[in-house]
Amino acid sequence: MNFFKRWMLKSLLKKPAPDRIPRSGEKAKDVNCNVVYIRAKNESWTILWNKIDSKGVIGKVWLNQEEFEELSIPWPWLSDYELDITHFYGVYDLRYSSIPQYFFEGILPWDKLKIVLGKVQQFLFNRKELVRSERIETLKIILEEAIENRNFTVSSVSLSGMLYTQRWVFHPDKTRQLAYNDLLLKSLEESGELQAIQYGYKLSPKALVTISAYEEDQKRHRDNLAQSNAAKWLTFALIIVGLIQAGVTYYGVYKNGS
C-alpha cells in the first residue's frame, strides 16, 4: 500500500466510531465518524481497522468466522483484499469501496453536495400538496407491481412510497395521506378489487375487469369527444363555405345591379 493510501486511511481513523452509533433522533444528527474494514476477497478474514503505522495494521480480526482480540497485521500479509469504508455523517451512511472513490466522492464535496441537493429537493417536495391518487390509478399501480411479483402485497405505507418515493416520510402532510390511503385500500377491498390479508392487501382478479371496463369507458368517451369535435369542425367549415357563397352571390348581384 503506497504512502498516499496510508495517509488517507490515517485521516479516516482520526474520526473513530463509538461502540454504538445512533442512527435516528437528535443524537444521530451530530454523528461524524468512520468505520474501515479490510476483507479477503474469499472472505476468509476480516479486519476492523483501529490504527495504522509503517509496519502494518492494528485492529480486531475475524479469521474463518472466529473473532480475535486486537492484533497487529504486517503489510506483507495483506494481499488480495477489498476495502470497505463507511462514513457515518449525520443520519447518512456514505459507503466507499476504494481510496480513490473516497477521495473523489468523500474528500471532494460530491457526497456532501448530493446531501444538500437532496435536502433542497425535500424542501421543495414538502411545499407541494400530496395529490391523492384515485381508485383506478391506484389499481393500475398495484397491478404493475403484482405482475412483477406474484406475492406482492400493498399497505397504506408502501402505497405512499410507490406514489411519492420515500420523500413522503418527511412531508408535513404524511399523516393525512396515510389515512386517505388506508380508506382508499379499504374501499377497493369492499368493491372486490383487493383482498385483505394479514399485513395488507392483495390484488383480486376482479381488478382486471374493473380496469378493463374503465378503459373501455374512457375509449368510448374519447371516441365521442372525437366525433363531437369532428362535427364542430364540419359545422364550422359549412358555415365558412356558406359565408363564401353568400359573399359571391352578393358580389354578383351588386355588380349586375350597378
Protein backbone atom coordinates (compact mmCIF):
# COMPACT_ATOMS: atom_id res chain seq x y z
CA MET A 1 0.00 0.00 0.00
CA ASN A 2 1.54 3.29 -1.10
CA PHE A 3 2.11 6.41 1.02
CA PHE A 4 -0.95 8.26 -0.31
CA LYS A 5 -3.34 5.44 0.58
CA ARG A 6 -1.82 5.08 4.05
CA TRP A 7 -2.13 8.82 4.62
CA MET A 8 -5.77 8.76 3.56
CA LEU A 9 -6.52 5.85 5.86
CA LYS A 10 -4.81 7.60 8.77
CA SER A 11 -7.02 10.64 8.19
CA LEU A 12 -10.09 8.37 8.27
CA LEU A 13 -9.05 6.82 11.58
CA LYS A 14 -8.79 10.25 13.19
CA LYS A 15 -12.60 10.08 13.49
CA PRO A 16 -13.16 6.64 15.02
CA ALA A 17 -16.67 5.34 15.55
CA PRO A 18 -18.04 4.77 19.08
CA ASP A 19 -19.26 1.35 20.18
CA ARG A 20 -22.84 2.39 19.43
CA ILE A 21 -23.63 4.75 16.56
CA PRO A 22 -27.04 6.46 16.86
CA ARG A 23 -28.87 6.40 13.52
CA SER A 24 -32.06 8.20 14.47
CA GLY A 25 -33.21 11.05 16.66
CA GLU A 26 -31.34 14.20 17.64
CA LYS A 27 -28.13 12.36 18.56
CA ALA A 28 -27.81 10.97 15.03
CA LYS A 29 -27.65 14.48 13.56
CA ASP A 30 -24.30 15.11 15.32
CA VAL A 31 -22.61 11.89 14.17
CA ASN A 32 -19.41 12.26 12.12
CA CYS A 33 -17.19 9.16 12.26
CA ASN A 34 -15.65 6.44 10.11
CA VAL A 35 -15.56 2.65 10.14
CA VAL A 36 -12.94 0.94 7.97
CA TYR A 37 -12.89 -2.77 7.20
CA ILE A 38 -10.45 -4.69 5.04
CA ARG A 39 -11.56 -8.13 3.86
CA ALA A 40 -10.09 -11.02 1.93
CA LYS A 41 -11.83 -11.49 -1.39
CA ASN A 42 -12.56 -15.09 -0.42
CA GLU A 43 -13.97 -13.79 2.91
CA SER A 44 -11.52 -15.93 4.92
CA TRP A 45 -10.53 -12.98 7.11
CA THR A 46 -11.76 -9.51 8.06
CA ILE A 47 -10.04 -6.69 9.93
CA LEU A 48 -11.72 -3.76 11.64
CA TRP A 49 -9.03 -1.07 11.48
CA ASN A 50 -8.21 0.88 14.62
CA LYS A 51 -4.67 2.09 13.94
CA ILE A 52 -2.14 2.13 11.13
CA ASP A 53 1.63 2.59 11.08
CA SER A 54 4.59 1.93 8.82
CA LYS A 55 4.66 -1.75 9.80
CA GLY A 56 1.06 -2.64 9.25
CA VAL A 57 -2.48 -2.50 10.58
CA ILE A 58 -3.81 -2.85 14.12
CA GLY A 59 -7.39 -3.90 14.65
CA LYS A 60 -9.92 -6.55 15.56
CA VAL A 61 -9.61 -9.66 13.38
CA TRP A 62 -12.11 -12.29 12.25
CA LEU A 63 -10.38 -15.40 10.84
CA ASN A 64 -12.62 -18.10 9.35
CA GLN A 65 -15.56 -16.57 11.26
CA GLU A 66 -13.66 -16.77 14.57
CA GLU A 67 -13.22 -13.46 16.39
CA PHE A 68 -9.82 -12.48 17.84
CA GLU A 69 -8.81 -9.59 20.04
CA GLU A 70 -6.89 -6.63 18.63
CA LEU A 71 -3.92 -7.84 16.57
CA SER A 72 -1.16 -6.24 14.52
CA ILE A 73 -1.06 -7.41 10.90
CA PRO A 74 2.12 -6.67 8.85
CA TRP A 75 1.67 -5.08 5.43
CA PRO A 76 3.17 -8.06 3.53
CA TRP A 77 0.39 -10.25 4.91
CA LEU A 78 -2.29 -8.05 3.39
CA SER A 79 -2.80 -9.06 -0.22
CA ASP A 80 -5.80 -9.66 -2.46
CA TYR A 81 -8.16 -7.71 -0.25
CA GLU A 82 -11.24 -5.47 -0.51
CA LEU A 83 -11.70 -2.18 1.29
CA ASP A 84 -14.99 -1.18 2.94
CA ILE A 85 -15.22 2.39 4.21
CA THR A 86 -18.36 3.77 5.85
CA HIS A 87 -18.57 7.45 6.78
CA PHE A 88 -21.42 7.98 9.23
CA TYR A 89 -22.37 11.61 8.58
CA GLY A 90 -25.43 12.73 10.46
CA VAL A 91 -28.23 10.33 9.54
CA TYR A 92 -26.44 9.34 6.30
CA ASP A 93 -24.29 6.24 5.75
CA LEU A 94 -21.79 7.01 2.98
CA ARG A 95 -20.12 3.86 1.60
CA TYR A 96 -16.86 3.61 -0.35
CA SER A 97 -15.04 0.56 -1.70
CA SER A 98 -11.67 2.14 -2.50
CA ILE A 99 -9.39 5.02 -1.59
CA PRO A 100 -9.84 6.77 -4.99
CA GLN A 101 -13.62 6.57 -4.61
CA TYR A 102 -13.39 8.00 -1.10
CA PHE A 103 -11.12 10.81 -2.32
CA PHE A 104 -13.29 11.88 -5.27
CA GLU A 105 -16.66 11.42 -3.57
CA GLY A 106 -15.87 11.87 0.13
CA ILE A 107 -12.97 14.32 0.37
CA LEU A 108 -14.09 16.33 -2.64
CA PRO A 109 -17.59 17.51 -1.66
CA TRP A 110 -19.54 15.35 -4.11
CA ASP A 111 -21.44 13.37 -1.47
CA LYS A 112 -21.99 16.48 0.65
CA LEU A 113 -23.36 18.21 -2.45
CA LYS A 114 -25.77 15.32 -3.07
CA ILE A 115 -26.95 15.58 0.53
CA VAL A 116 -27.55 19.33 0.15
CA LEU A 117 -29.39 18.78 -3.15
CA GLY A 118 -31.47 16.08 -1.50
CA LYS A 119 -32.44 18.49 1.30
CA VAL A 120 -33.37 21.14 -1.28
CA GLN A 121 -35.49 18.61 -3.18
CA GLN A 122 -37.15 17.54 0.07
CA PHE A 123 -37.87 21.17 0.94
CA LEU A 124 -39.48 21.78 -2.45
CA PHE A 125 -41.38 18.48 -2.19
CA ASN A 126 -42.71 19.46 1.24
CA ARG A 127 -44.12 22.69 -0.20
CA LYS A 128 -46.28 20.69 -2.62
CA GLU A 129 -49.61 19.21 -1.69
CA LEU A 130 -49.67 15.42 -1.88
CA VAL A 131 -52.01 14.66 -4.78
CA ARG A 132 -54.40 11.92 -3.76
CA SER A 133 -54.46 9.01 -6.17
CA GLU A 134 -57.86 7.89 -7.42
CA ARG A 135 -59.12 4.32 -7.42
CA ILE A 136 -58.26 3.31 -10.99
CA GLU A 137 -54.82 4.93 -10.94
CA THR A 138 -54.08 3.13 -7.67
CA LEU A 139 -55.27 -0.19 -9.11
CA LYS A 140 -53.04 0.25 -12.17
CA ILE A 141 -50.00 0.90 -9.98
CA ILE A 142 -50.73 -2.16 -7.83
CA LEU A 143 -51.34 -4.27 -10.96
CA GLU A 144 -47.90 -3.39 -12.37
CA GLU A 145 -46.25 -4.43 -9.11
CA ALA A 146 -48.30 -7.64 -8.95
CA ILE A 147 -47.21 -8.57 -12.48
CA GLU A 148 -43.57 -8.28 -11.41
CA ASN A 149 -44.15 -10.12 -8.11
CA ARG A 150 -46.99 -12.62 -7.78
CA ASN A 151 -46.81 -12.39 -3.97
CA PHE A 152 -46.95 -8.60 -3.91
CA THR A 153 -48.98 -7.02 -1.13
CA VAL A 154 -49.73 -3.36 -0.52
CA SER A 155 -50.40 -1.26 2.57
CA SER A 156 -51.07 2.42 3.14
CA VAL A 157 -47.36 2.92 3.89
CA SER A 158 -46.00 1.05 0.86
CA LEU A 159 -48.57 2.76 -1.39
CA SER A 160 -47.25 6.15 -0.29
CA GLY A 161 -43.72 5.07 -1.25
CA MET A 162 -44.94 3.87 -4.66
CA LEU A 163 -46.71 7.16 -5.33
CA TYR A 164 -44.21 9.69 -3.98
CA THR A 165 -40.89 7.81 -3.33
CA GLN A 166 -39.53 7.84 0.22
CA ARG A 167 -39.65 11.62 0.40
CA TRP A 168 -43.24 11.34 1.62
CA VAL A 169 -41.90 10.22 5.03
CA PHE A 170 -40.67 13.77 5.71
CA HIS A 171 -43.70 15.54 4.27
CA PRO A 172 -45.73 17.53 6.83
CA ASP A 173 -48.99 16.09 5.43
CA LYS A 174 -47.88 12.45 5.67
CA THR A 175 -50.37 11.50 8.44
CA ARG A 176 -53.37 12.69 6.44
CA GLN A 177 -52.03 10.93 3.34
CA LEU A 178 -51.70 7.63 5.23
CA ALA A 179 -55.27 7.99 6.49
CA TYR A 180 -56.51 8.63 2.93
CA ASN A 181 -54.55 5.66 1.56
CA ASP A 182 -55.98 3.41 4.26
CA LEU A 183 -59.55 4.44 3.35
CA LEU A 184 -58.80 4.03 -0.36
CA LEU A 185 -57.48 0.49 0.08
CA LYS A 186 -60.45 -0.45 2.27
CA SER A 187 -62.78 0.94 -0.40
CA LEU A 188 -61.10 -1.19 -3.07
CA GLU A 189 -61.43 -4.21 -0.80
CA GLU A 190 -65.14 -3.62 -0.25
CA SER A 191 -65.76 -3.33 -4.01
CA GLY A 192 -63.81 -6.55 -4.61
CA GLU A 193 -60.67 -5.29 -6.40
CA LEU A 194 -58.43 -6.09 -3.41
CA GLN A 195 -58.34 -8.93 -0.92
CA ALA A 196 -57.41 -8.23 2.70
CA ILE A 197 -54.58 -10.38 4.10
CA GLN A 198 -52.71 -10.31 7.39
CA TYR A 199 -50.40 -7.36 6.74
CA GLY A 200 -52.06 -5.55 3.86
CA TYR A 201 -53.96 -6.18 0.65
CA LYS A 202 -53.51 -8.42 -2.37
CA LEU A 203 -54.82 -7.83 -5.88
CA SER A 204 -58.05 -9.62 -6.77
CA PRO A 205 -58.85 -10.95 -10.27
CA LYS A 206 -61.81 -8.55 -10.32
CA ALA A 207 -59.31 -5.68 -10.57
CA LEU A 208 -58.59 -6.65 -14.18
CA VAL A 209 -62.31 -6.50 -15.01
CA THR A 210 -62.63 -3.08 -13.35
CA ILE A 211 -59.59 -1.67 -15.16
CA SER A 212 -60.75 -3.13 -18.49
CA ALA A 213 -64.27 -1.67 -18.08
CA TYR A 214 -62.82 1.71 -17.13
CA GLU A 215 -60.53 1.75 -20.17
CA GLU A 216 -63.47 0.80 -22.42
CA ASP A 217 -65.50 3.69 -20.97
CA GLN A 218 -62.55 6.01 -21.50
CA LYS A 219 -62.19 4.82 -25.10
CA ARG A 220 -65.89 5.44 -25.77
CA HIS A 221 -65.59 8.85 -24.14
CA ARG A 222 -62.59 9.73 -26.34
CA ASP A 223 -64.43 8.47 -29.43
CA ASN A 224 -67.47 10.59 -28.53
CA LEU A 225 -65.25 13.62 -28.00
CA ALA A 226 -63.55 13.00 -31.33
CA GLN A 227 -66.90 12.71 -33.11
CA SER A 228 -68.16 15.82 -31.35
CA ASN A 229 -65.05 17.76 -32.35
CA ALA A 230 -65.32 16.48 -35.91
CA ALA A 231 -68.96 17.61 -36.04
CA LYS A 232 -67.97 21.05 -34.71
CA TRP A 233 -65.23 21.44 -37.33
CA LEU A 234 -67.60 20.23 -40.07
CA THR A 235 -70.24 22.74 -38.94
CA PHE A 236 -67.61 25.47 -38.86
CA ALA A 237 -66.43 24.52 -42.37
CA LEU A 238 -70.02 24.55 -43.68
CA ILE A 239 -70.56 27.99 -42.16
CA ILE A 240 -67.39 29.28 -43.84
CA VAL A 241 -68.46 27.78 -47.17
CA GLY A 242 -71.92 29.30 -46.75
CA LEU A 243 -70.46 32.72 -46.00
CA ILE A 244 -68.22 32.48 -49.05
CA GLN A 245 -71.16 31.51 -51.25
CA ALA A 246 -73.25 34.33 -49.80
CA GLY A 247 -70.41 36.75 -50.44
CA VAL A 248 -70.04 35.61 -54.04
CA THR A 249 -73.81 35.87 -54.61
CA TYR A 250 -73.96 39.31 -53.05
CA TYR A 251 -70.99 40.49 -55.11
CA GLY A 252 -72.63 39.19 -58.31
CA VAL A 253 -75.97 40.87 -57.55
CA TYR A 254 -74.25 44.09 -56.60
CA LYS A 255 -72.13 44.11 -59.79
CA ASN A 256 -75.10 43.32 -62.10
CA GLY A 257 -77.24 45.88 -60.37
CA SER A 258 -74.67 48.59 -60.86
